[in-house]
């Protein structure tokens, strides 16, 4: 299905916002979410599914989204939160924080509805709907996927300087064979999700 810009369907009561997450699957690091409202006629090549873009393309798209978006916000939930409440609930927290950040940065903006990538609705303060495969269908969700991915990647690159033995700059916390090898060698670090490591490190 072709991408479309939800601003074309917006009523006078407010804009349509898109939310997507990054980092539900990794063994380490926070889960991030972003919330984006785009103007009409935003160029679709800069609001695609982040997983299908090169790092250089994502970096360029991030700059354009932040420059041209009507509003945007980013939120996260830590690895410890993920261990305490599970990854789904932590993702919902990140989404709520992204929406709160958007309102903090752009006070007074009105939102009619929030479109969420996936099939589970977070308990947000605004009406919301799920869009399965939304990061490839709705420009606002695609833009949110890019902002969330970029923010999370930067976090993991910074953390790589604190715990260099895990080489987070290479795999961003995902369960690559090299990451698993380093985990078995050194044990978990401060960013590892212990609830995700039970099959790899039974004693974690």
Foldseek 3Di string as FASTA:
>chain_A
DAADECQVVDDPQAFEKEKEWPDLAFQFWKIKMKIFAADPPDDLQLQAAQVPDDPVSLVVSLVVRVVGTPWMFMFIAALVVCLVPNSVLRNLVRRQRRVVRRCVVPPPHGHQEYEYEDDDDRPHPHHYDYDHVVSHHYSNNSSRNSVNVVVLLVVQVVVCVVVVLQVCNVVSRHDDPSNLVSCVVPNDDPGGNVVVCCVSPVVD
